[in-house]
Amino acid sequence: MVKKSEGKFTVSNDAISAFLFDGQGGAEEIQPSELSELQGRDNQYSFAWIHLKRDTREAQKWLETCGLDNFVVGALTAEDTRPRCTVHGDGAIVILRGVNLNPGAEPEDMISARFWIEGRRIVGVWRRPLAAISDLFDSMQRGQAPVSPGDMIAKLALRLADNAEPVVASLNERIDDLEEQLLNANGAPTRGELAEIRRVAIIMRRFMIP
């Protein structure tokens, strides 16, 4: 049985990280090299998650040798992506986007999270840190890890939506301020203000609605 890790799960800059989940809220970090020993054997773990940092030689080599076809590898490593879920063979490609909450960043500079999902394995690729992934590690630390691949993706999607809520609320406040200016005859808002709000709203709608 996979035991809950006694260490602390954190977001690292490692090219490859690997985790096992026991399906009951427990999780354990393992060495990526151990995955080949576990595959094909009757182990008591529910599923594995391989977390790859894109643009590293080690991650690229792993993707080339892990048995995924070119279509899946291309989707996981593409320069530009749109949110989608595409069934492919015995799995699915899931591309999500989240607001950028990194220090000094613009929230609408949205970050992609890319996943290949199989029955007992998730392969995830990242390029920039995403707050929702940090939140997932926090839940794993508390013994509340996802119990299945579907549960993991659902939790991430909900957390991405939660993290976007303050950005949407800020847009609403800016719109309210502009409306108050009009009602109080303090002058019409400038085209620049309206254009900026519209630009951010379009980006948020494009990537969050899916």
N, C-alpha and C. Protein backbone atom coordinates (compact mmCIF):
# COMPACT_ATOMS: atom_id res chain seq x y z
N MET A 1 0.85 -1.19 0.00
CA MET A 1 0.00 0.00 0.00
C MET A 1 0.89 1.24 0.00
N VAL A 2 0.53 2.22 -0.82
CA VAL A 2 1.28 3.47 -0.84
C VAL A 2 0.97 4.25 0.44
N LYS A 3 1.99 4.64 1.15
CA LYS A 3 1.81 5.38 2.40
C LYS A 3 1.91 6.87 2.15
N LYS A 4 1.26 7.62 3.02
CA LYS A 4 1.37 9.08 2.93
C LYS A 4 2.80 9.48 3.22
N SER A 5 3.31 10.38 2.39
CA SER A 5 4.70 10.78 2.53
C SER A 5 4.90 11.55 3.82
N GLU A 6 6.03 11.27 4.50
CA GLU A 6 6.35 12.00 5.72
C GLU A 6 7.01 13.33 5.39
N GLY A 7 7.52 13.47 4.18
CA GLY A 7 8.13 14.72 3.76
C GLY A 7 7.09 15.71 3.28
N LYS A 8 7.58 16.79 2.74
CA LYS A 8 6.67 17.84 2.28
C LYS A 8 6.69 17.86 0.76
N PHE A 9 5.49 17.79 0.16
CA PHE A 9 5.38 17.89 -1.28
C PHE A 9 5.53 19.36 -1.67
N THR A 10 6.44 19.64 -2.57
CA THR A 10 6.65 21.02 -3.01
C THR A 10 6.84 21.06 -4.52
N VAL A 11 6.61 22.25 -5.08
CA VAL A 11 6.89 22.47 -6.49
C VAL A 11 8.38 22.69 -6.65
N SER A 12 9.03 21.84 -7.43
CA SER A 12 10.47 21.96 -7.62
C SER A 12 10.78 22.21 -9.09
N ASN A 13 12.02 22.51 -9.36
CA ASN A 13 12.47 22.72 -10.73
C ASN A 13 13.05 21.45 -11.34
N ASP A 14 12.83 20.31 -10.70
CA ASP A 14 13.31 19.06 -11.24
C ASP A 14 12.69 18.81 -12.61
N ALA A 15 13.48 18.25 -13.52
CA ALA A 15 12.98 17.96 -14.86
C ALA A 15 11.85 16.94 -14.82
N ILE A 16 11.97 15.95 -13.92
CA ILE A 16 10.96 14.90 -13.82
C ILE A 16 10.69 14.62 -12.35
N SER A 17 9.41 14.62 -11.98
CA SER A 17 8.98 14.19 -10.65
C SER A 17 7.92 13.11 -10.84
N ALA A 18 7.85 12.18 -9.90
CA ALA A 18 6.88 11.08 -10.02
C ALA A 18 6.22 10.83 -8.67
N PHE A 19 4.92 10.53 -8.71
CA PHE A 19 4.15 10.31 -7.50
C PHE A 19 3.23 9.11 -7.68
N LEU A 20 3.03 8.38 -6.60
CA LEU A 20 2.06 7.29 -6.57
C LEU A 20 0.93 7.66 -5.63
N PHE A 21 -0.29 7.27 -6.00
CA PHE A 21 -1.48 7.55 -5.20
C PHE A 21 -2.14 6.23 -4.83
N ASP A 22 -2.61 6.14 -3.59
CA ASP A 22 -3.19 4.87 -3.14
C ASP A 22 -4.70 4.79 -3.32
N GLY A 23 -5.33 5.85 -3.83
CA GLY A 23 -6.77 5.83 -4.04
C GLY A 23 -7.58 6.08 -2.79
N GLN A 24 -6.90 6.38 -1.68
CA GLN A 24 -7.59 6.63 -0.41
C GLN A 24 -7.13 7.95 0.22
N GLY A 25 -6.53 8.81 -0.59
CA GLY A 25 -6.07 10.10 -0.08
C GLY A 25 -4.59 10.16 0.22
N GLY A 26 -3.91 9.03 0.10
CA GLY A 26 -2.48 9.00 0.35
C GLY A 26 -1.67 9.13 -0.92
N ALA A 27 -0.46 9.65 -0.78
CA ALA A 27 0.42 9.82 -1.93
C ALA A 27 1.86 9.70 -1.47
N GLU A 28 2.72 9.32 -2.40
CA GLU A 28 4.13 9.15 -2.10
C GLU A 28 4.95 9.55 -3.31
N GLU A 29 6.01 10.31 -3.09
CA GLU A 29 6.92 10.66 -4.17
C GLU A 29 7.93 9.54 -4.33
N ILE A 30 8.20 9.16 -5.58
CA ILE A 30 9.16 8.11 -5.87
C ILE A 30 10.16 8.62 -6.90
N GLN A 31 11.21 7.86 -7.10
CA GLN A 31 12.17 8.18 -8.15
C GLN A 31 11.57 7.80 -9.51
N PRO A 32 11.70 8.66 -10.52
CA PRO A 32 11.13 8.32 -11.83
C PRO A 32 11.59 6.97 -12.36
N SER A 33 12.81 6.56 -12.03
CA SER A 33 13.33 5.29 -12.50
C SER A 33 12.55 4.10 -11.94
N GLU A 34 11.85 4.28 -10.82
CA GLU A 34 11.08 3.20 -10.22
C GLU A 34 9.82 2.88 -11.00
N LEU A 35 9.36 3.81 -11.85
CA LEU A 35 8.10 3.59 -12.56
C LEU A 35 8.16 2.38 -13.47
N SER A 36 9.28 2.19 -14.16
CA SER A 36 9.39 1.05 -15.07
C SER A 36 9.30 -0.28 -14.31
N GLU A 37 9.77 -0.30 -13.07
CA GLU A 37 9.68 -1.52 -12.27
C GLU A 37 8.26 -1.80 -11.83
N LEU A 38 7.45 -0.75 -11.65
CA LEU A 38 6.09 -0.92 -11.17
C LEU A 38 5.11 -1.28 -12.28
N GLN A 39 5.36 -0.79 -13.49
CA GLN A 39 4.42 -1.00 -14.58
C GLN A 39 4.33 -2.48 -14.94
N GLY A 40 3.10 -2.91 -15.17
CA GLY A 40 2.87 -4.28 -15.57
C GLY A 40 2.82 -5.26 -14.41
N ARG A 41 2.98 -4.78 -13.20
CA ARG A 41 2.92 -5.66 -12.03
C ARG A 41 1.67 -5.33 -11.22
N ASP A 42 1.22 -6.30 -10.44
CA ASP A 42 0.01 -6.13 -9.64
C ASP A 42 0.34 -5.41 -8.35
N ASN A 43 0.49 -4.11 -8.44
CA ASN A 43 0.81 -3.30 -7.26
C ASN A 43 -0.46 -2.70 -6.67
N GLN A 44 -0.35 -2.35 -5.42
CA GLN A 44 -1.52 -1.83 -4.72
C GLN A 44 -1.60 -0.31 -4.77
N TYR A 45 -1.14 0.28 -5.81
CA TYR A 45 -1.33 1.71 -5.96
C TYR A 45 -2.45 1.96 -6.97
N SER A 46 -3.11 3.08 -6.83
CA SER A 46 -4.25 3.40 -7.69
C SER A 46 -3.79 3.93 -9.04
N PHE A 47 -2.91 4.95 -9.02
CA PHE A 47 -2.39 5.51 -10.27
C PHE A 47 -1.12 6.28 -9.99
N ALA A 48 -0.39 6.58 -11.06
CA ALA A 48 0.86 7.33 -10.96
C ALA A 48 0.73 8.64 -11.71
N TRP A 49 1.48 9.63 -11.25
CA TRP A 49 1.53 10.94 -11.91
C TRP A 49 2.98 11.28 -12.18
N ILE A 50 3.31 11.51 -13.45
CA ILE A 50 4.64 11.93 -13.84
C ILE A 50 4.54 13.40 -14.22
N HIS A 51 5.32 14.23 -13.53
CA HIS A 51 5.26 15.69 -13.66
C HIS A 51 6.54 16.15 -14.34
N LEU A 52 6.44 16.59 -15.60
CA LEU A 52 7.61 16.90 -16.42
C LEU A 52 7.75 18.39 -16.67
N LYS A 53 8.96 18.88 -16.54
CA LYS A 53 9.23 20.28 -16.88
C LYS A 53 9.63 20.36 -18.35
N ARG A 54 8.78 20.99 -19.14
CA ARG A 54 9.05 21.13 -20.56
C ARG A 54 10.34 21.90 -20.80
N ASP A 55 10.92 21.78 -21.95
CA ASP A 55 12.15 22.50 -22.31
C ASP A 55 13.36 22.03 -21.51
N THR A 56 13.30 20.81 -20.97
CA THR A 56 14.49 20.21 -20.37
C THR A 56 14.83 18.95 -21.15
N ARG A 57 16.10 18.68 -21.25
CA ARG A 57 16.55 17.53 -22.04
C ARG A 57 16.03 16.22 -21.44
N GLU A 58 16.03 16.14 -20.11
CA GLU A 58 15.59 14.91 -19.46
C GLU A 58 14.12 14.62 -19.73
N ALA A 59 13.28 15.68 -19.63
CA ALA A 59 11.85 15.49 -19.88
C ALA A 59 11.59 15.09 -21.33
N GLN A 60 12.29 15.73 -22.26
CA GLN A 60 12.11 15.40 -23.67
C GLN A 60 12.52 13.96 -23.95
N LYS A 61 13.62 13.54 -23.36
CA LYS A 61 14.07 12.15 -23.55
C LYS A 61 13.06 11.17 -22.98
N TRP A 62 12.49 11.51 -21.81
CA TRP A 62 11.51 10.62 -21.20
C TRP A 62 10.28 10.49 -22.10
N LEU A 63 9.81 11.60 -22.66
CA LEU A 63 8.65 11.57 -23.54
C LEU A 63 8.92 10.75 -24.79
N GLU A 64 10.15 10.77 -25.25
CA GLU A 64 10.48 10.03 -26.46
C GLU A 64 10.57 8.52 -26.23
N THR A 65 10.74 8.11 -24.98
CA THR A 65 10.96 6.69 -24.69
C THR A 65 9.87 6.07 -23.82
N CYS A 66 8.81 6.82 -23.50
CA CYS A 66 7.79 6.31 -22.57
C CYS A 66 6.65 5.58 -23.26
N GLY A 67 6.68 5.50 -24.59
CA GLY A 67 5.65 4.75 -25.30
C GLY A 67 4.48 5.58 -25.80
N LEU A 68 4.49 6.89 -25.57
CA LEU A 68 3.42 7.73 -26.08
C LEU A 68 3.65 8.01 -27.57
N ASP A 69 2.55 8.09 -28.35
CA ASP A 69 2.73 8.34 -29.78
C ASP A 69 2.98 9.82 -30.05
N ASN A 70 3.33 10.13 -31.28
CA ASN A 70 3.72 11.49 -31.65
C ASN A 70 2.60 12.50 -31.46
N PHE A 71 1.35 12.08 -31.65
CA PHE A 71 0.22 12.99 -31.49
C PHE A 71 0.14 13.48 -30.05
N VAL A 72 0.28 12.57 -29.10
CA VAL A 72 0.20 12.93 -27.68
C VAL A 72 1.39 13.79 -27.27
N VAL A 73 2.60 13.37 -27.67
CA VAL A 73 3.80 14.14 -27.33
C VAL A 73 3.72 15.55 -27.91
N GLY A 74 3.22 15.66 -29.15
CA GLY A 74 3.09 16.97 -29.77
C GLY A 74 2.13 17.87 -29.01
N ALA A 75 1.02 17.30 -28.54
CA ALA A 75 0.04 18.09 -27.78
C ALA A 75 0.61 18.55 -26.45
N LEU A 76 1.42 17.70 -25.82
CA LEU A 76 1.98 18.04 -24.51
C LEU A 76 3.10 19.07 -24.60
N THR A 77 3.74 19.19 -25.76
CA THR A 77 4.90 20.07 -25.87
C THR A 77 4.71 21.22 -26.85
N ALA A 78 3.50 21.40 -27.38
CA ALA A 78 3.26 22.47 -28.36
C ALA A 78 3.55 23.84 -27.76
N GLU A 79 3.98 24.76 -28.60
CA GLU A 79 4.28 26.12 -28.13
C GLU A 79 3.03 26.84 -27.66
N ASP A 80 1.94 26.71 -28.40
CA ASP A 80 0.70 27.42 -28.06
C ASP A 80 -0.44 26.41 -27.99
N THR A 81 -1.29 26.56 -27.00
CA THR A 81 -2.38 25.62 -26.80
C THR A 81 -3.67 26.35 -26.46
N ARG A 82 -4.78 25.68 -26.75
CA ARG A 82 -6.10 26.15 -26.31
C ARG A 82 -6.70 25.07 -25.42
N PRO A 83 -7.47 25.46 -24.41
CA PRO A 83 -8.09 24.46 -23.53
C PRO A 83 -8.95 23.49 -24.32
N ARG A 84 -8.78 22.21 -24.03
CA ARG A 84 -9.58 21.19 -24.71
C ARG A 84 -9.43 19.85 -24.02
N CYS A 85 -10.32 18.95 -24.36
CA CYS A 85 -10.22 17.55 -23.95
C CYS A 85 -10.40 16.71 -25.21
N THR A 86 -9.40 15.91 -25.56
CA THR A 86 -9.43 15.12 -26.78
C THR A 86 -9.20 13.66 -26.43
N VAL A 87 -10.19 12.82 -26.71
CA VAL A 87 -10.04 11.38 -26.50
C VAL A 87 -9.15 10.84 -27.61
N HIS A 88 -8.18 10.02 -27.20
CA HIS A 88 -7.22 9.48 -28.17
C HIS A 88 -6.84 8.08 -27.72
N GLY A 89 -7.24 7.07 -28.48
CA GLY A 89 -6.95 5.71 -28.10
C GLY A 89 -7.56 5.35 -26.76
N ASP A 90 -6.74 4.86 -25.85
CA ASP A 90 -7.22 4.46 -24.53
C ASP A 90 -7.08 5.56 -23.49
N GLY A 91 -6.83 6.79 -23.93
CA GLY A 91 -6.66 7.88 -22.98
C GLY A 91 -7.26 9.17 -23.49
N ALA A 92 -6.88 10.25 -22.85
CA ALA A 92 -7.39 11.56 -23.24
C ALA A 92 -6.33 12.62 -22.98
N ILE A 93 -6.28 13.59 -23.89
CA ILE A 93 -5.43 14.76 -23.72
C ILE A 93 -6.29 15.87 -23.12
N VAL A 94 -5.85 16.42 -22.02
CA VAL A 94 -6.58 17.51 -21.37
C VAL A 94 -5.64 18.71 -21.25
N ILE A 95 -6.06 19.83 -21.84
CA ILE A 95 -5.29 21.07 -21.76
C ILE A 95 -6.13 22.09 -20.98
N LEU A 96 -5.57 22.61 -19.90
CA LEU A 96 -6.24 23.60 -19.07
C LEU A 96 -5.41 24.89 -19.04
N ARG A 97 -6.05 25.98 -18.68
CA ARG A 97 -5.34 27.26 -18.52
C ARG A 97 -5.74 27.88 -17.18
N GLY A 98 -4.77 28.50 -16.53
CA GLY A 98 -5.04 29.17 -15.27
C GLY A 98 -4.43 30.56 -15.24
N VAL A 99 -4.99 31.44 -14.41
CA VAL A 99 -4.47 32.79 -14.30
C VAL A 99 -3.06 32.74 -13.72
N ASN A 100 -2.23 33.69 -14.13
CA ASN A 100 -0.84 33.75 -13.70
C ASN A 100 -0.76 34.52 -12.38
N LEU A 101 -0.56 33.80 -11.29
CA LEU A 101 -0.46 34.41 -9.96
C LEU A 101 0.98 34.51 -9.48
N ASN A 102 1.94 34.32 -10.39
CA ASN A 102 3.35 34.46 -10.02
C ASN A 102 3.67 35.93 -9.75
N PRO A 103 4.60 36.21 -8.82
CA PRO A 103 4.92 37.60 -8.46
C PRO A 103 5.33 38.43 -9.68
N GLY A 104 4.72 39.61 -9.79
CA GLY A 104 5.06 40.53 -10.86
C GLY A 104 4.42 40.22 -12.20
N ALA A 105 3.62 39.17 -12.28
CA ALA A 105 3.02 38.77 -13.56
C ALA A 105 1.63 39.38 -13.71
N GLU A 106 1.18 39.48 -14.96
CA GLU A 106 -0.19 39.89 -15.24
C GLU A 106 -1.09 38.67 -15.18
N PRO A 107 -2.16 38.69 -14.39
CA PRO A 107 -3.01 37.50 -14.24
C PRO A 107 -3.53 36.96 -15.57
N GLU A 108 -3.80 37.87 -16.53
CA GLU A 108 -4.35 37.42 -17.81
C GLU A 108 -3.30 36.76 -18.70
N ASP A 109 -2.03 36.79 -18.29
CA ASP A 109 -0.99 36.04 -19.00
C ASP A 109 -1.10 34.59 -18.56
N MET A 110 -2.08 33.90 -19.11
CA MET A 110 -2.51 32.63 -18.54
C MET A 110 -1.52 31.50 -18.83
N ILE A 111 -1.43 30.58 -17.87
CA ILE A 111 -0.47 29.48 -17.90
C ILE A 111 -1.19 28.19 -18.25
N SER A 112 -0.60 27.41 -19.13
CA SER A 112 -1.21 26.15 -19.54
C SER A 112 -0.77 25.02 -18.62
N ALA A 113 -1.67 24.06 -18.45
CA ALA A 113 -1.38 22.81 -17.76
C ALA A 113 -1.84 21.69 -18.69
N ARG A 114 -0.91 20.82 -19.08
CA ARG A 114 -1.19 19.83 -20.11
C ARG A 114 -1.07 18.43 -19.52
N PHE A 115 -2.04 17.57 -19.85
CA PHE A 115 -2.06 16.23 -19.26
C PHE A 115 -2.45 15.18 -20.28
N TRP A 116 -1.78 14.03 -20.19
CA TRP A 116 -2.21 12.82 -20.86
C TRP A 116 -2.73 11.88 -19.77
N ILE A 117 -3.96 11.42 -19.91
CA ILE A 117 -4.61 10.66 -18.85
C ILE A 117 -4.93 9.26 -19.35
N GLU A 118 -4.45 8.26 -18.61
CA GLU A 118 -4.78 6.87 -18.85
C GLU A 118 -5.44 6.29 -17.61
N GLY A 119 -5.72 5.00 -17.65
CA GLY A 119 -6.40 4.37 -16.52
C GLY A 119 -5.65 4.48 -15.22
N ARG A 120 -4.32 4.27 -15.27
CA ARG A 120 -3.53 4.28 -14.03
C ARG A 120 -2.31 5.20 -14.12
N ARG A 121 -2.35 6.12 -15.09
CA ARG A 121 -1.20 7.01 -15.23
C ARG A 121 -1.63 8.37 -15.76
N ILE A 122 -1.05 9.41 -15.18
CA ILE A 122 -1.20 10.77 -15.70
C ILE A 122 0.20 11.28 -16.03
N VAL A 123 0.36 11.81 -17.23
CA VAL A 123 1.60 12.47 -17.61
C VAL A 123 1.28 13.96 -17.76
N GLY A 124 1.89 14.78 -16.93
CA GLY A 124 1.65 16.22 -16.96
C GLY A 124 2.91 16.97 -17.38
N VAL A 125 2.73 18.03 -18.14
CA VAL A 125 3.86 18.85 -18.61
C VAL A 125 3.62 20.29 -18.20
N TRP A 126 4.66 20.92 -17.67
CA TRP A 126 4.54 22.32 -17.26
C TRP A 126 5.76 23.10 -17.73
N ARG A 127 5.56 24.39 -17.87
CA ARG A 127 6.67 25.28 -18.25
C ARG A 127 6.86 26.38 -17.22
N ARG A 128 5.75 26.92 -16.71
CA ARG A 128 5.82 27.95 -15.67
C ARG A 128 5.01 27.48 -14.47
N PRO A 129 5.43 27.85 -13.26
CA PRO A 129 4.70 27.42 -12.06
C PRO A 129 3.24 27.86 -12.09
N LEU A 130 2.37 26.99 -11.63
CA LEU A 130 0.93 27.27 -11.61
C LEU A 130 0.42 27.07 -10.19
N ALA A 131 -0.30 28.07 -9.68
CA ALA A 131 -0.75 28.03 -8.28
C ALA A 131 -1.62 26.81 -8.00
N ALA A 132 -2.42 26.38 -8.96
CA ALA A 132 -3.31 25.24 -8.73
C ALA A 132 -2.52 23.96 -8.48
N ILE A 133 -1.35 23.82 -9.10
CA ILE A 133 -0.52 22.65 -8.85
C ILE A 133 0.05 22.72 -7.43
N SER A 134 0.45 23.92 -6.99
CA SER A 134 0.92 24.08 -5.61
C SER A 134 -0.19 23.71 -4.62
N ASP A 135 -1.42 24.10 -4.94
CA ASP A 135 -2.55 23.76 -4.07
C ASP A 135 -2.75 22.24 -4.02
N LEU A 136 -2.52 21.58 -5.16
CA LEU A 136 -2.65 20.12 -5.19
C LEU A 136 -1.62 19.47 -4.28
N PHE A 137 -0.39 19.98 -4.32
CA PHE A 137 0.64 19.45 -3.43
C PHE A 137 0.25 19.66 -1.97
N ASP A 138 -0.35 20.80 -1.66
CA ASP A 138 -0.79 21.06 -0.29
C ASP A 138 -1.83 20.03 0.16
N SER A 139 -2.77 19.70 -0.73
CA SER A 139 -3.80 18.71 -0.38
C SER A 139 -3.17 17.32 -0.21
N MET A 140 -2.17 17.01 -1.02
CA MET A 140 -1.47 15.73 -0.86
C MET A 140 -0.78 15.67 0.50
N GLN A 141 -0.21 16.79 0.92
CA GLN A 141 0.47 16.85 2.21
C GLN A 141 -0.50 16.61 3.36
N ARG A 142 -1.74 17.05 3.19
CA ARG A 142 -2.76 16.89 4.24
C ARG A 142 -3.42 15.52 4.21
N GLY A 143 -2.98 14.64 3.33
CA GLY A 143 -3.62 13.33 3.23
C GLY A 143 -4.93 13.37 2.47
N GLN A 144 -5.09 14.40 1.62
CA GLN A 144 -6.31 14.54 0.82
C GLN A 144 -5.97 14.52 -0.67
N ALA A 145 -5.11 13.59 -1.05
CA ALA A 145 -4.71 13.48 -2.44
C ALA A 145 -5.87 12.97 -3.30
N PRO A 146 -5.85 13.24 -4.59
CA PRO A 146 -6.89 12.70 -5.48
C PRO A 146 -6.93 11.17 -5.40
N VAL A 147 -8.11 10.62 -5.61
CA VAL A 147 -8.28 9.17 -5.50
C VAL A 147 -8.27 8.48 -6.86
N SER A 148 -8.30 9.24 -7.95
CA SER A 148 -8.30 8.66 -9.29
C SER A 148 -7.81 9.73 -10.26
N PRO A 149 -7.41 9.34 -11.47
CA PRO A 149 -7.02 10.35 -12.45
C PRO A 149 -8.13 11.37 -12.73
N GLY A 150 -9.37 10.91 -12.84
CA GLY A 150 -10.48 11.83 -13.07
C GLY A 150 -10.67 12.79 -11.92
N ASP A 151 -10.50 12.29 -10.70
CA ASP A 151 -10.64 13.15 -9.52
C ASP A 151 -9.55 14.22 -9.51
N MET A 152 -8.35 13.85 -9.93
CA MET A 152 -7.26 14.82 -9.96
C MET A 152 -7.54 15.95 -10.94
N ILE A 153 -7.98 15.61 -12.15
CA ILE A 153 -8.27 16.63 -13.14
C ILE A 153 -9.43 17.51 -12.70
N ALA A 154 -10.46 16.91 -12.10
CA ALA A 154 -11.60 17.69 -11.62
C ALA A 154 -11.18 18.66 -10.53
N LYS A 155 -10.35 18.20 -9.59
CA LYS A 155 -9.87 19.08 -8.53
C LYS A 155 -9.04 20.24 -9.10
N LEU A 156 -8.19 19.95 -10.07
CA LEU A 156 -7.39 21.00 -10.67
C LEU A 156 -8.26 22.02 -11.39
N ALA A 157 -9.25 21.53 -12.14
CA ALA A 157 -10.13 22.45 -12.88
C ALA A 157 -10.89 23.36 -11.93
N LEU A 158 -11.39 22.81 -10.84
CA LEU A 158 -12.11 23.63 -9.86
C LEU A 158 -11.18 24.65 -9.21
N ARG A 159 -9.95 24.24 -8.93
CA ARG A 159 -9.01 25.16 -8.30
C ARG A 159 -8.62 26.28 -9.26
N LEU A 160 -8.46 25.95 -10.54
CA LEU A 160 -8.18 26.97 -11.54
C LEU A 160 -9.30 28.00 -11.59
N ALA A 161 -10.54 27.53 -11.51
CA ALA A 161 -11.68 28.45 -11.51
C ALA A 161 -11.69 29.31 -10.25
N ASP A 162 -11.38 28.71 -9.10
CA ASP A 162 -11.33 29.46 -7.85
C ASP A 162 -10.27 30.56 -7.92
N ASN A 163 -9.10 30.24 -8.48
CA ASN A 163 -8.02 31.22 -8.56
C ASN A 163 -8.34 32.36 -9.52
N ALA A 164 -9.21 32.10 -10.49
CA ALA A 164 -9.60 33.14 -11.44
C ALA A 164 -10.64 34.09 -10.87
N GLU A 165 -11.34 33.67 -9.83
CA GLU A 165 -12.45 34.47 -9.30
C GLU A 165 -12.02 35.87 -8.86
N PRO A 166 -10.88 36.04 -8.13
CA PRO A 166 -10.48 37.41 -7.76
C PRO A 166 -10.20 38.30 -8.96
N VAL A 167 -9.68 37.73 -10.04
CA VAL A 167 -9.40 38.53 -11.24
C VAL A 167 -10.70 39.01 -11.85
N VAL A 168 -11.69 38.12 -11.92
CA VAL A 168 -13.00 38.49 -12.46
C VAL A 168 -13.65 39.55 -11.56
N ALA A 169 -13.54 39.38 -10.25
CA ALA A 169 -14.12 40.36 -9.32
C ALA A 169 -13.47 41.73 -9.51
N SER A 170 -12.16 41.75 -9.76
CA SER A 170 -11.47 43.01 -9.99
C SER A 170 -11.98 43.70 -11.25
N LEU A 171 -12.23 42.93 -12.30
CA LEU A 171 -12.79 43.50 -13.52
C LEU A 171 -14.16 44.11 -13.25
N ASN A 172 -14.98 43.41 -12.47
CA ASN A 172 -16.31 43.93 -12.14
C ASN A 172 -16.22 45.23 -11.37
N GLU A 173 -15.24 45.31 -10.46
CA GLU A 173 -15.07 46.54 -9.69
C GLU A 173 -14.65 47.71 -10.58
N ARG A 174 -13.78 47.44 -11.55
CA ARG A 174 -13.36 48.50 -12.47
C ARG A 174 -14.53 48.98 -13.32
N ILE A 175 -15.38 48.05 -13.73
CA ILE A 175 -16.57 48.43 -14.51
C ILE A 175 -17.51 49.27 -13.65
N ASP A 176 -17.69 48.87 -12.38
CA ASP A 176 -18.55 49.64 -11.47
C ASP A 176 -18.01 51.06 -11.29
N ASP A 177 -16.68 51.18 -11.18
CA ASP A 177 -16.09 52.51 -11.02
C ASP A 177 -16.36 53.38 -12.24
N LEU A 178 -16.26 52.80 -13.43
CA LEU A 178 -16.52 53.56 -14.65
C LEU A 178 -17.99 53.99 -14.72
N GLU A 179 -18.87 53.07 -14.31
CA GLU A 179 -20.30 53.40 -14.32
C GLU A 179 -20.59 54.54 -13.34
N GLU A 180 -19.93 54.51 -12.18
CA GLU A 180 -20.14 55.57 -11.19
C GLU A 180 -19.66 56.92 -11.72
N GLN A 181 -18.56 56.90 -12.47
CA GLN A 181 -18.07 58.14 -13.08
C GLN A 181 -19.14 58.75 -13.99
N LEU A 182 -19.79 57.92 -14.77
CA LEU A 182 -20.82 58.40 -15.68
C LEU A 182 -22.02 58.94 -14.92
N LEU A 183 -22.44 58.22 -13.89
CA LEU A 183 -23.62 58.63 -13.13
C LEU A 183 -23.38 59.93 -12.37
N ASN A 184 -22.13 60.14 -11.92
CA ASN A 184 -21.82 61.33 -11.15
C ASN A 184 -21.35 62.50 -12.02
N ALA A 185 -21.45 62.31 -13.33
CA ALA A 185 -21.07 63.36 -14.28
C ALA A 185 -19.63 63.82 -14.08
N ASN A 186 -18.79 62.85 -13.72
CA ASN A 186 -17.38 63.18 -13.53
C ASN A 186 -16.56 63.02 -14.82
N GLY A 187 -17.26 62.89 -15.90
CA GLY A 187 -16.57 62.72 -17.17
C GLY A 187 -16.63 61.28 -17.64
N ALA A 188 -16.66 61.13 -18.93
CA ALA A 188 -16.73 59.79 -19.50
C ALA A 188 -15.39 59.09 -19.36
N PRO A 189 -15.39 57.77 -19.14
CA PRO A 189 -14.13 57.03 -19.07
C PRO A 189 -13.39 57.09 -20.40
N THR A 190 -12.11 57.02 -20.34
CA THR A 190 -11.31 57.09 -21.56
C THR A 190 -11.43 55.80 -22.36
N ARG A 191 -11.17 55.92 -23.66
CA ARG A 191 -11.19 54.73 -24.51
C ARG A 191 -10.16 53.71 -24.05
N GLY A 192 -9.02 54.21 -23.53
CA GLY A 192 -7.97 53.31 -23.07
C GLY A 192 -8.43 52.44 -21.92
N GLU A 193 -9.17 53.02 -20.97
CA GLU A 193 -9.67 52.24 -19.84
C GLU A 193 -10.63 51.15 -20.32
N LEU A 194 -11.56 51.53 -21.18
CA LEU A 194 -12.53 50.56 -21.69
C LEU A 194 -11.86 49.47 -22.51
N ALA A 195 -10.89 49.86 -23.33
CA ALA A 195 -10.20 48.89 -24.17
C ALA A 195 -9.42 47.88 -23.33
N GLU A 196 -8.80 48.34 -22.25
CA GLU A 196 -8.02 47.45 -21.40
C GLU A 196 -8.93 46.44 -20.71
N ILE A 197 -10.06 46.91 -20.18
CA ILE A 197 -10.99 45.99 -19.53
C ILE A 197 -11.53 44.97 -20.53
N ARG A 198 -11.86 45.45 -21.72
CA ARG A 198 -12.37 44.54 -22.74
C ARG A 198 -11.31 43.52 -23.14
N ARG A 199 -10.05 43.93 -23.25
CA ARG A 199 -8.98 43.02 -23.63
C ARG A 199 -8.84 41.88 -22.62
N VAL A 200 -8.80 42.24 -21.33
CA VAL A 200 -8.65 41.23 -20.28
C VAL A 200 -9.86 40.31 -20.25
N ALA A 201 -11.05 40.88 -20.41
CA ALA A 201 -12.27 40.08 -20.38
C ALA A 201 -12.30 39.06 -21.52
N ILE A 202 -11.85 39.47 -22.69
CA ILE A 202 -11.82 38.56 -23.85
C ILE A 202 -10.87 37.40 -23.58
N ILE A 203 -9.70 37.70 -23.04
CA ILE A 203 -8.72 36.64 -22.75
C ILE A 203 -9.28 35.67 -21.72
N MET A 204 -9.86 36.20 -20.65
CA MET A 204 -10.41 35.34 -19.62
C MET A 204 -11.53 34.45 -20.16
N ARG A 205 -12.39 35.04 -20.96
CA ARG A 205 -13.50 34.27 -21.52
C ARG A 205 -13.00 33.17 -22.45
N ARG A 206 -12.00 33.50 -23.27
CA ARG A 206 -11.49 32.54 -24.25
C ARG A 206 -10.92 31.30 -23.58
N PHE A 207 -10.21 31.51 -22.47
CA PHE A 207 -9.50 30.39 -21.87
C PHE A 207 -10.22 29.76 -20.67
N MET A 208 -11.14 30.48 -20.03
CA MET A 208 -11.77 29.93 -18.84
C MET A 208 -13.09 29.22 -19.13
N ILE A 209 -13.83 29.65 -20.13
CA ILE A 209 -15.12 29.01 -20.40
C ILE A 209 -14.98 27.52 -20.68
N PRO A 210 -13.99 27.09 -21.48
CA PRO A 210 -13.86 25.63 -21.70
C PRO A 210 -13.66 24.84 -20.42
